[in-house]
Amino acid sequence: MDRIAVAASHRARKLGGLLYADLFAFARERGFDSVAAEFYIEPFNEASSRFHARHGFAEVGTQWVADGKKRVSLQIAPVTTQ
């Protein structure tokens, strides 16, 4: 998963969680054992960090992007956690 976005007017309605639940169900039905995602750590996206931790993601690496201006945390979550 590279990115999801929820409009500010629709946040706190658990829409991101519903999207991820669907993603994990899709992966489980097809026999995948993990899902990958990323979020910015430079600049730090605290909300995304908390969101991914709640969904069982853990960092497996980092990568500089945007011509070295931003860094992302590369995350993996086991499908069985959902």
N, C-alpha and C. Protein backbone atom coordinates (compact mmCIF):
# COMPACT_ATOMS: atom_id res chain seq x y z
N MET A 1 0.86 -1.16 0.00
CA MET A 1 0.00 0.00 0.00
C MET A 1 0.90 1.22 0.00
N ASP A 2 0.68 2.08 -0.92
CA ASP A 2 1.50 3.29 -0.96
C ASP A 2 0.83 4.42 -0.20
N ARG A 3 -0.44 4.66 -0.44
CA ARG A 3 -1.05 5.83 0.19
C ARG A 3 -2.56 5.74 0.16
N ILE A 4 -3.16 6.13 1.27
CA ILE A 4 -4.58 6.40 1.28
C ILE A 4 -4.75 7.80 1.83
N ALA A 5 -5.84 8.42 1.51
CA ALA A 5 -6.11 9.77 2.02
C ALA A 5 -7.59 9.87 2.34
N VAL A 6 -7.88 10.49 3.45
CA VAL A 6 -9.26 10.74 3.86
C VAL A 6 -9.40 12.24 4.06
N ALA A 7 -10.39 12.82 3.43
CA ALA A 7 -10.62 14.26 3.56
C ALA A 7 -10.78 14.64 5.02
N ALA A 8 -10.26 15.80 5.38
CA ALA A 8 -10.34 16.27 6.77
C ALA A 8 -11.77 16.25 7.28
N SER A 9 -12.72 16.55 6.43
CA SER A 9 -14.13 16.58 6.84
C SER A 9 -14.68 15.19 7.15
N HIS A 10 -13.95 14.14 6.77
CA HIS A 10 -14.43 12.77 6.99
C HIS A 10 -13.53 11.96 7.93
N ARG A 11 -12.57 12.62 8.56
CA ARG A 11 -11.69 11.92 9.48
C ARG A 11 -12.41 11.60 10.77
N ALA A 12 -11.84 10.68 11.53
CA ALA A 12 -12.40 10.22 12.81
C ALA A 12 -13.69 9.43 12.60
N ARG A 13 -13.89 8.90 11.42
CA ARG A 13 -15.04 8.04 11.12
C ARG A 13 -14.60 6.60 10.85
N LYS A 14 -13.31 6.33 11.06
CA LYS A 14 -12.73 4.99 10.88
C LYS A 14 -12.74 4.52 9.43
N LEU A 15 -12.78 5.47 8.49
CA LEU A 15 -12.77 5.11 7.07
C LEU A 15 -11.44 4.49 6.65
N GLY A 16 -10.33 5.01 7.15
CA GLY A 16 -9.02 4.42 6.85
C GLY A 16 -8.95 2.98 7.34
N GLY A 17 -9.46 2.74 8.53
CA GLY A 17 -9.49 1.38 9.08
C GLY A 17 -10.33 0.44 8.24
N LEU A 18 -11.45 0.95 7.72
CA LEU A 18 -12.30 0.13 6.85
C LEU A 18 -11.58 -0.21 5.54
N LEU A 19 -10.86 0.77 5.00
CA LEU A 19 -10.09 0.51 3.77
C LEU A 19 -9.02 -0.54 4.02
N TYR A 20 -8.33 -0.44 5.15
CA TYR A 20 -7.30 -1.43 5.46
C TYR A 20 -7.90 -2.79 5.76
N ALA A 21 -9.06 -2.84 6.41
CA ALA A 21 -9.72 -4.12 6.65
C ALA A 21 -10.03 -4.80 5.33
N ASP A 22 -10.48 -4.03 4.35
CA ASP A 22 -10.77 -4.58 3.03
C ASP A 22 -9.49 -5.05 2.35
N LEU A 23 -8.42 -4.27 2.47
CA LEU A 23 -7.13 -4.65 1.91
C LEU A 23 -6.64 -5.97 2.50
N PHE A 24 -6.72 -6.10 3.83
CA PHE A 24 -6.26 -7.33 4.48
C PHE A 24 -7.14 -8.52 4.08
N ALA A 25 -8.44 -8.31 3.96
CA ALA A 25 -9.33 -9.39 3.52
C ALA A 25 -8.97 -9.83 2.09
N PHE A 26 -8.72 -8.86 1.23
CA PHE A 26 -8.32 -9.13 -0.15
C PHE A 26 -7.04 -9.97 -0.16
N ALA A 27 -6.05 -9.56 0.63
CA ALA A 27 -4.77 -10.28 0.69
C ALA A 27 -4.95 -11.69 1.25
N ARG A 28 -5.75 -11.81 2.31
CA ARG A 28 -5.99 -13.12 2.94
C ARG A 28 -6.66 -14.08 1.96
N GLU A 29 -7.67 -13.59 1.23
CA GLU A 29 -8.41 -14.43 0.27
C GLU A 29 -7.50 -14.94 -0.85
N ARG A 30 -6.44 -14.21 -1.13
CA ARG A 30 -5.54 -14.61 -2.21
C ARG A 30 -4.28 -15.30 -1.71
N GLY A 31 -4.21 -15.57 -0.42
CA GLY A 31 -3.11 -16.34 0.13
C GLY A 31 -1.84 -15.56 0.42
N PHE A 32 -1.92 -14.23 0.44
CA PHE A 32 -0.74 -13.44 0.79
C PHE A 32 -0.51 -13.51 2.29
N ASP A 33 0.74 -13.47 2.69
CA ASP A 33 1.03 -13.55 4.12
C ASP A 33 1.34 -12.20 4.75
N SER A 34 1.53 -11.15 3.94
CA SER A 34 1.81 -9.83 4.50
C SER A 34 1.35 -8.73 3.55
N VAL A 35 1.26 -7.53 4.11
CA VAL A 35 0.90 -6.32 3.36
C VAL A 35 1.98 -5.29 3.64
N ALA A 36 2.37 -4.55 2.63
CA ALA A 36 3.39 -3.51 2.79
C ALA A 36 2.76 -2.13 2.68
N ALA A 37 3.33 -1.19 3.41
CA ALA A 37 2.87 0.20 3.38
C ALA A 37 4.07 1.09 3.66
N GLU A 38 3.87 2.38 3.51
CA GLU A 38 4.91 3.35 3.85
C GLU A 38 4.26 4.64 4.30
N PHE A 39 4.99 5.38 5.11
CA PHE A 39 4.54 6.72 5.50
C PHE A 39 5.77 7.58 5.78
N TYR A 40 5.56 8.89 5.71
CA TYR A 40 6.67 9.82 5.92
C TYR A 40 7.15 9.82 7.36
N ILE A 41 8.50 9.77 7.49
CA ILE A 41 9.10 9.96 8.80
C ILE A 41 9.95 11.23 8.83
N GLU A 42 10.25 11.77 7.66
CA GLU A 42 10.89 13.09 7.55
C GLU A 42 10.24 13.79 6.37
N PRO A 43 9.32 14.71 6.58
CA PRO A 43 8.80 15.15 7.87
C PRO A 43 7.93 14.06 8.51
N PHE A 44 7.92 14.03 9.82
CA PHE A 44 7.26 12.95 10.54
C PHE A 44 5.74 13.09 10.49
N ASN A 45 5.07 12.00 10.09
CA ASN A 45 3.61 11.94 10.06
C ASN A 45 3.16 11.10 11.25
N GLU A 46 2.98 11.75 12.38
CA GLU A 46 2.64 11.04 13.61
C GLU A 46 1.31 10.29 13.52
N ALA A 47 0.31 10.90 12.90
CA ALA A 47 -0.99 10.24 12.78
C ALA A 47 -0.87 8.95 11.98
N SER A 48 -0.11 8.98 10.90
CA SER A 48 0.06 7.78 10.09
C SER A 48 0.87 6.72 10.84
N SER A 49 1.86 7.15 11.60
CA SER A 49 2.64 6.22 12.40
C SER A 49 1.74 5.48 13.39
N ARG A 50 0.89 6.20 14.09
CA ARG A 50 -0.04 5.58 15.05
C ARG A 50 -1.03 4.66 14.33
N PHE A 51 -1.56 5.11 13.21
CA PHE A 51 -2.53 4.33 12.44
C PHE A 51 -1.94 2.99 12.02
N HIS A 52 -0.73 3.02 11.46
CA HIS A 52 -0.12 1.78 11.00
C HIS A 52 0.24 0.85 12.16
N ALA A 53 0.68 1.41 13.26
CA ALA A 53 0.98 0.58 14.45
C ALA A 53 -0.29 -0.14 14.93
N ARG A 54 -1.42 0.56 14.91
CA ARG A 54 -2.69 -0.06 15.32
C ARG A 54 -3.07 -1.23 14.42
N HIS A 55 -2.61 -1.21 13.19
CA HIS A 55 -2.95 -2.25 12.23
C HIS A 55 -1.86 -3.31 12.09
N GLY A 56 -0.93 -3.33 13.04
CA GLY A 56 0.05 -4.40 13.09
C GLY A 56 1.29 -4.22 12.24
N PHE A 57 1.51 -3.03 11.70
CA PHE A 57 2.67 -2.79 10.86
C PHE A 57 3.91 -2.55 11.70
N ALA A 58 5.05 -2.96 11.18
CA ALA A 58 6.35 -2.72 11.80
C ALA A 58 7.34 -2.32 10.72
N GLU A 59 8.28 -1.47 11.07
CA GLU A 59 9.26 -0.99 10.12
C GLU A 59 10.26 -2.08 9.73
N VAL A 60 10.52 -2.16 8.43
CA VAL A 60 11.52 -3.09 7.91
C VAL A 60 12.65 -2.34 7.20
N GLY A 61 12.52 -1.03 7.12
CA GLY A 61 13.55 -0.21 6.49
C GLY A 61 13.06 1.20 6.28
N THR A 62 13.92 2.03 5.72
CA THR A 62 13.56 3.40 5.37
C THR A 62 14.10 3.69 3.98
N GLN A 63 13.56 4.74 3.37
CA GLN A 63 14.00 5.11 2.03
C GLN A 63 13.83 6.61 1.86
N TRP A 64 14.85 7.25 1.29
CA TRP A 64 14.75 8.66 0.93
C TRP A 64 14.01 8.78 -0.39
N VAL A 65 13.10 9.75 -0.49
CA VAL A 65 12.31 9.97 -1.69
C VAL A 65 12.29 11.47 -2.00
N ALA A 66 11.63 11.83 -3.06
CA ALA A 66 11.49 13.25 -3.45
C ALA A 66 12.85 13.92 -3.56
N ASP A 67 13.76 13.28 -4.29
CA ASP A 67 15.10 13.82 -4.49
C ASP A 67 15.82 14.09 -3.17
N GLY A 68 15.62 13.17 -2.21
CA GLY A 68 16.30 13.28 -0.92
C GLY A 68 15.71 14.29 0.04
N LYS A 69 14.52 14.78 -0.26
CA LYS A 69 13.89 15.79 0.61
C LYS A 69 13.00 15.17 1.68
N LYS A 70 12.56 13.94 1.45
CA LYS A 70 11.66 13.27 2.39
C LYS A 70 12.14 11.84 2.59
N ARG A 71 11.80 11.29 3.76
CA ARG A 71 12.15 9.89 4.03
C ARG A 71 10.89 9.16 4.47
N VAL A 72 10.72 7.94 3.98
CA VAL A 72 9.57 7.12 4.35
C VAL A 72 10.02 5.93 5.17
N SER A 73 9.12 5.48 6.03
CA SER A 73 9.29 4.24 6.76
C SER A 73 8.62 3.15 5.95
N LEU A 74 9.36 2.11 5.63
CA LEU A 74 8.82 0.97 4.89
C LEU A 74 8.30 -0.03 5.92
N GLN A 75 7.04 -0.37 5.82
CA GLN A 75 6.34 -1.15 6.83
C GLN A 75 5.76 -2.44 6.28
N ILE A 76 5.72 -3.48 7.12
CA ILE A 76 5.11 -4.76 6.77
C ILE A 76 4.19 -5.17 7.93
N ALA A 77 3.04 -5.72 7.58
CA ALA A 77 2.13 -6.28 8.58
C ALA A 77 1.71 -7.67 8.13
N PRO A 78 1.72 -8.63 9.04
CA PRO A 78 1.24 -9.97 8.68
C PRO A 78 -0.27 -9.94 8.48
N VAL A 79 -0.72 -10.61 7.46
CA VAL A 79 -2.15 -10.64 7.16
C VAL A 79 -2.93 -11.29 8.30
N THR A 80 -2.33 -12.19 9.02
CA THR A 80 -3.04 -12.91 10.10
C THR A 80 -3.40 -12.01 11.27
N THR A 81 -2.82 -10.80 11.38
CA THR A 81 -3.13 -9.93 12.50
C THR A 81 -4.47 -9.23 12.35
N GLN A 82 -5.05 -9.31 11.21
CA GLN A 82 -6.30 -8.56 10.96
C GLN A 82 -7.52 -9.46 11.09
